[in-house]
Amino acid sequence: MKPKVCQLVTLSEWGGAQHVVYTLASHLKDEFACTVACGPGGELVERVRLHNIPVTVIPALRRALNPWLDATALWQIVRLLRNGHFDILHCHSSKAGILGRLAARITGVPIVLFTAHGWAFTEGRSYWKRWLAAQLERIASRWTTKIVCVSHHDRELALRFNVAQPECLVVIHNGIDPSPFSLANDSVIRREFGLSGDLVITTIGRMAVPKDPLTLLRAYRILNPSNAKVVIVGDGPLRAAVERHIDRNMLRGRVLLAGMRYNVPDLLAASDVFVLASRWEGLPLTIIEAMMAGLPVVATNVGGVTELVEHGVTGIIVPPGNAEALAMAIRQLLEDADLRRRMGQAGRQHALEKFTVDRMVAEVKALYTTLLAT
């Protein structure tokens, strides 16, 4: 019989953690009996079901703290684990990581993993939130067989906060399937957004504080280029603030809001520069996607970003929250087509060598196999 694995993530709306869950479940289903469990109402559920992988929706599982809903979600996860008789529980994201590991402790799941897709106590957050998150993670680590960090930065951060012993922490970088980027077609995107003749600055990410889209807009205002547009892909709680900023500064038609999109390779094929202005990160899949698409990257020095982007070789690294530095870096690339080409080619080669989905899946499979054999 195949070993039974449950992949548990807080939200089912599409994002980096959900992408990893989907990838692991779909690529490992031949060797492992995989089940995906998550909160209700998102893209992840539909994608996983297309692969005939069982999905359990945890109705009470939400991102925000809510004592009643969290207690209910814990009970729902306990019931899932008791009924499922899983050999491995693999948790992703902070809320699912805490509740899932507690539920595994209650039900006696033999192997419990947690992937930290960027720690809740990472740089850029308020001190008391970081302190509280670190205390919770330290407690939960006692119920964890291994903690998977998506970057060496995050492993060092966990050691600095004394979250777990060194032998408990392993690093497995995220990975992307390169094949869709070789088949991408930019023509439909360029027609849809009226991008003919323009240089295109693209960012992809949830419109929320961690991704800091407003700093990108401030940098664009500083640049004020006549021949370049910004395409923002994603949605989220800051969308209204972004739209107000666009209207106040008369940027309609120059800053384009694409909303949620799943044709990322085509969007990146229509782009010239990729920008990620995050205040904190784990290991951003969007940067790997941009590198696979052969784009130069301008990104902030947060989380594991410098493990992806080599400053001056595959892109330009700037401090977080600094619109002036971000504007200067973007200008350097907009004004030098040869630099864009060289950085883009170097980035694609780096991504193909280090950040493929096959490498990520193989490392996770090896971890599962080793733990099951002990």
Foldseek 3Di string as FASTA:
>chain_A
DAAEEEEEEQAQADFDQLVLVLLLCLVCVVRHLYEYEYADDYDSVVSNVVSVRHYHHQDLRDDDDDVVSLVSSLVVLLVVCQVVVGLEYEYEDQSSLLSVLVSCVVRVNPAYEYEYFFQQLFPLDDPVSNLVSLVSLLVSVVSHQAYEAQAPLVLVVNVVSVSDDNVRYDYFHAFAALVLLVVAAQPVVCVVLVLPQAAEEEEEDALDQQQPVVLQVLLCVVLVDPRYAYEYEEYYDCPVVVVVSCVVVVCVSRYHYPYHDDSVSNVLLNHAEYEGQGSEGRAHPSLLSNLSNLWAYEYEPHHRPCVQAPDPQQYHYDHHPDSNVSNVRVVVRVVDVVSGNRNSPRNSVSSVVRHHSVSSSVVVVVVVVVVVVD
